Structures are given as C-alpha cells and as structure tokens.
Amino acid sequence: MFTGRDYITLVFTVPLAFFMIWGWFKTGYEVKDDLLIIYSGPLKKKVLLKEIKSVKQTKNPLAAYALSLDRLEIVYISDYSMALISPKNWGNFITALKRVNPKIEVVDLQ
C-alpha cells in the first residue's frame, strides 16, 4: 500500500475517514437556555428557540445534521431556513423546545 503513488491516496483517504467518523460520533442536539445547538462533527449551528416556527416529521434525504432518515424538519425565521435533525426521543425533544417557545407548531407527527 505504501509503494509508489499510494501515498497520494492515503493523503486524501485518512482525513476524509477522520471527518466521517467525527461526524458519526459527534452528532447531537442540545436545548440550552434560549438556543437549540446542533452538532455534527466539526460543524455547529445555533438556532434561537423563539425563532422556531414549526416542527414536522419528514424523510427528506437532503444532507443534514441527522444520522437517520426519520427526521424532524425545524423551520425557523432567521434567513427563512430549516434544519433537519434526528433526535432519539422526539417527544422529549419537542417538549423541551415548547417549554421555551410554546408557539411552535407541531405538524404531522406519528
């Protein structure tokens, strides 16, 4: 493996594998004070809970901060954006969101 041009492959493969593993083991969501903090590997996104408009179930396959296709789509005001996440316990997660912002609309949860 380490003969000839295989070093070039190694230079690209090792960092890519590192970031994929980092993203797998460091994906999570935290409701802290007035923020929803979304972690995925080296990426971190903060959403103000008071800006969240709605939460609904989706199977949207877009790249997201989620390790499952059973996801929640969170729509929020800032930049008219959305985040796709997959918390383990949807009920507890939504309860934590609504505790801070009771105006969040919950749509189509099964």
C-alpha atoms as a PDB file:
ATOM      1  CA  MET A   1       0.000   0.000   0.000  1.00  0.00           C
ATOM      2  CA  PHE A   2       2.819   2.418   0.738  1.00  0.00           C
ATOM      3  CA  THR A   3       4.676   1.954  -2.532  1.00  0.00           C
ATOM      4  CA  GLY A   4       4.651   4.324  -5.467  1.00  0.00           C
ATOM      5  CA  ARG A   5       1.665   6.623  -5.781  1.00  0.00           C
ATOM      6  CA  ASP A   6      -0.384   5.156  -2.953  1.00  0.00           C
ATOM      7  CA  TYR A   7       0.781   7.989  -0.717  1.00  0.00           C
ATOM      8  CA  ILE A   8      -1.481  10.335  -2.670  1.00  0.00           C
ATOM      9  CA  THR A   9      -4.473   8.089  -1.959  1.00  0.00           C
ATOM     10  CA  LEU A  10      -3.510   7.929   1.707  1.00  0.00           C
ATOM     11  CA  VAL A  11      -3.271  11.730   1.967  1.00  0.00           C
ATOM     12  CA  PHE A  12      -6.898  12.070   0.828  1.00  0.00           C
ATOM     13  CA  THR A  13      -8.393   8.970   2.415  1.00  0.00           C
ATOM     14  CA  VAL A  14      -7.196   9.390   6.007  1.00  0.00           C
ATOM     15  CA  PRO A  15      -8.553  12.949   6.537  1.00  0.00           C
ATOM     16  CA  LEU A  16     -11.838  12.035   4.840  1.00  0.00           C
ATOM     17  CA  ALA A  17     -12.243   8.979   7.071  1.00  0.00           C
ATOM     18  CA  PHE A  18     -11.402  11.102  10.136  1.00  0.00           C
ATOM     19  CA  PHE A  19     -14.119  13.672   9.341  1.00  0.00           C
ATOM     20  CA  MET A  20     -16.697  10.969   8.583  1.00  0.00           C
ATOM     21  CA  ILE A  21     -16.010   9.217  11.890  1.00  0.00           C
ATOM     22  CA  TRP A  22     -16.034  12.548  13.739  1.00  0.00           C
ATOM     23  CA  GLY A  23     -19.422  13.394  12.208  1.00  0.00           C
ATOM     24  CA  TRP A  24     -20.834   9.976  13.128  1.00  0.00           C
ATOM     25  CA  PHE A  25     -19.840  10.086  16.779  1.00  0.00           C
ATOM     26  CA  LYS A  26     -20.300  13.832  17.357  1.00  0.00           C
ATOM     27  CA  THR A  27     -23.820  14.426  16.057  1.00  0.00           C
ATOM     28  CA  GLY A  28     -26.260  15.694  18.650  1.00  0.00           C
ATOM     29  CA  TYR A  29     -28.706  18.352  19.721  1.00  0.00           C
ATOM     30  CA  GLU A  30     -28.869  20.427  22.865  1.00  0.00           C
ATOM     31  CA  VAL A  31     -31.553  22.780  24.149  1.00  0.00           C
ATOM     32  CA  LYS A  32     -29.702  25.270  26.307  1.00  0.00           C
ATOM     33  CA  ASP A  33     -31.273  28.440  27.706  1.00  0.00           C
ATOM     34  CA  ASP A  34     -32.886  30.055  24.645  1.00  0.00           C
ATOM     35  CA  LEU A  35     -30.863  28.165  21.994  1.00  0.00           C
ATOM     36  CA  LEU A  36     -31.056  24.936  20.062  1.00  0.00           C
ATOM     37  CA  ILE A  37     -27.473  23.892  19.431  1.00  0.00           C
ATOM     38  CA  ILE A  38     -26.950  21.341  16.660  1.00  0.00           C
ATOM     39  CA  TYR A  39     -23.617  19.491  16.481  1.00  0.00           C
ATOM     40  CA  SER A  40     -22.300  17.388  13.621  1.00  0.00           C
ATOM     41  CA  GLY A  41     -18.588  16.673  13.709  1.00  0.00           C
ATOM     42  CA  PRO A  42     -16.730  19.961  13.333  1.00  0.00           C
ATOM     43  CA  LEU A  43     -19.934  21.847  12.464  1.00  0.00           C
ATOM     44  CA  LYS A  44     -22.099  23.662  14.988  1.00  0.00           C
ATOM     45  CA  LYS A  45     -25.326  25.545  14.302  1.00  0.00           C
ATOM     46  CA  LYS A  46     -27.239  27.689  16.782  1.00  0.00           C
ATOM     47  CA  VAL A  47     -30.927  28.474  16.402  1.00  0.00           C
ATOM     48  CA  LEU A  48     -32.822  30.809  18.719  1.00  0.00           C
ATOM     49  CA  LEU A  49     -35.789  28.908  20.148  1.00  0.00           C
ATOM     50  CA  LYS A  50     -38.016  31.978  19.891  1.00  0.00           C
ATOM     51  CA  GLU A  51     -37.424  31.970  16.089  1.00  0.00           C
ATOM     52  CA  ILE A  52     -38.623  28.384  15.550  1.00  0.00           C
ATOM     53  CA  LYS A  53     -41.965  28.412  13.737  1.00  0.00           C
ATOM     54  CA  SER A  54     -42.726  24.729  13.216  1.00  0.00           C
ATOM     55  CA  VAL A  55     -41.542  21.157  13.641  1.00  0.00           C
ATOM     56  CA  LYS A  56     -42.717  18.330  11.411  1.00  0.00           C
ATOM     57  CA  GLN A  57     -41.788  14.764  10.591  1.00  0.00           C
ATOM     58  CA  THR A  58     -40.013  14.190   7.280  1.00  0.00           C
ATOM     59  CA  LYS A  59     -37.967  11.645   5.370  1.00  0.00           C
ATOM     60  CA  ASN A  60     -36.212  14.332   3.338  1.00  0.00           C
ATOM     61  CA  PRO A  61     -32.929  12.810   2.061  1.00  0.00           C
ATOM     62  CA  LEU A  62     -31.038  16.114   1.888  1.00  0.00           C
ATOM     63  CA  ALA A  63     -27.686  16.280   3.640  1.00  0.00           C
ATOM     64  CA  ALA A  64     -28.393  17.160   7.247  1.00  0.00           C
ATOM     65  CA  TYR A  65     -27.338  17.087  10.882  1.00  0.00           C
ATOM     66  CA  ALA A  66     -29.024  13.692  11.158  1.00  0.00           C
ATOM     67  CA  LEU A  67     -27.913  10.060  11.214  1.00  0.00           C
ATOM     68  CA  SER A  68     -31.343   8.695  10.256  1.00  0.00           C
ATOM     69  CA  LEU A  69     -33.880   9.313   7.507  1.00  0.00           C
ATOM     70  CA  ASP A  70     -36.622   9.509  10.153  1.00  0.00           C
ATOM     71  CA  ARG A  71     -36.136  13.191  10.785  1.00  0.00           C
ATOM     72  CA  LEU A  72     -37.677  16.314  12.159  1.00  0.00           C
ATOM     73  CA  GLU A  73     -37.759  19.386   9.965  1.00  0.00           C
ATOM     74  CA  ILE A  74     -37.375  22.539  12.037  1.00  0.00           C
ATOM     75  CA  VAL A  75     -38.401  25.724  10.252  1.00  0.00           C
ATOM     76  CA  TYR A  76     -37.216  28.982  11.780  1.00  0.00           C
ATOM     77  CA  ILE A  77     -37.470  32.674  10.939  1.00  0.00           C
ATOM     78  CA  SER A  78     -33.824  33.654  10.641  1.00  0.00           C
ATOM     79  CA  ASP A  79     -32.918  33.508   6.937  1.00  0.00           C
ATOM     80  CA  TYR A  80     -36.206  31.593   6.369  1.00  0.00           C
ATOM     81  CA  SER A  81     -34.228  28.431   6.934  1.00  0.00           C
ATOM     82  CA  MET A  82     -34.742  24.904   8.109  1.00  0.00           C
ATOM     83  CA  ALA A  83     -32.716  22.251   9.853  1.00  0.00           C
ATOM     84  CA  LEU A  84     -33.153  18.507   9.512  1.00  0.00           C
ATOM     85  CA  ILE A  85     -32.342  16.572  12.669  1.00  0.00           C
ATOM     86  CA  SER A  86     -32.996  13.112  14.126  1.00  0.00           C
ATOM     87  CA  PRO A  87     -33.156  13.112  17.931  1.00  0.00           C
ATOM     88  CA  LYS A  88     -33.614   9.712  19.579  1.00  0.00           C
ATOM     89  CA  ASN A  89     -36.736  10.705  21.512  1.00  0.00           C
ATOM     90  CA  TRP A  90     -38.883  13.103  19.508  1.00  0.00           C
ATOM     91  CA  GLY A  91     -41.420  13.606  22.282  1.00  0.00           C
ATOM     92  CA  ASN A  92     -38.915  14.732  24.901  1.00  0.00           C
ATOM     93  CA  PHE A  93     -37.116  16.885  22.343  1.00  0.00           C
ATOM     94  CA  ILE A  94     -40.269  18.692  21.236  1.00  0.00           C
ATOM     95  CA  THR A  95     -41.353  19.124  24.865  1.00  0.00           C
ATOM     96  CA  ALA A  96     -38.010  20.801  25.609  1.00  0.00           C
ATOM     97  CA  LEU A  97     -38.469  23.142  22.628  1.00  0.00           C
ATOM     98  CA  LYS A  98     -42.059  24.034  23.552  1.00  0.00           C
ATOM     99  CA  ARG A  99     -41.115  24.659  27.176  1.00  0.00           C
ATOM    100  CA  VAL A 100     -39.190  27.723  25.968  1.00  0.00           C
ATOM    101  CA  ASN A 101     -41.352  28.600  22.942  1.00  0.00           C
ATOM    102  CA  PRO A 102     -44.951  27.353  23.301  1.00  0.00           C
ATOM    103  CA  LYS A 103     -45.888  28.966  19.954  1.00  0.00           C
ATOM    104  CA  ILE A 104     -44.025  26.263  17.977  1.00  0.00           C
ATOM    105  CA  GLU A 105     -46.447  24.489  15.654  1.00  0.00           C
ATOM    106  CA  VAL A 106     -46.058  20.699  15.668  1.00  0.00           C
ATOM    107  CA  VAL A 107     -47.245  19.188  12.365  1.00  0.00           C
ATOM    108  CA  ASP A 108     -47.825  15.575  11.249  1.00  0.00           C
ATOM    109  CA  LEU A 109     -46.048  13.620  13.989  1.00  0.00           C
ATOM    110  CA  GLN A 110     -46.883   9.929  14.216  1.00  0.00           C
END
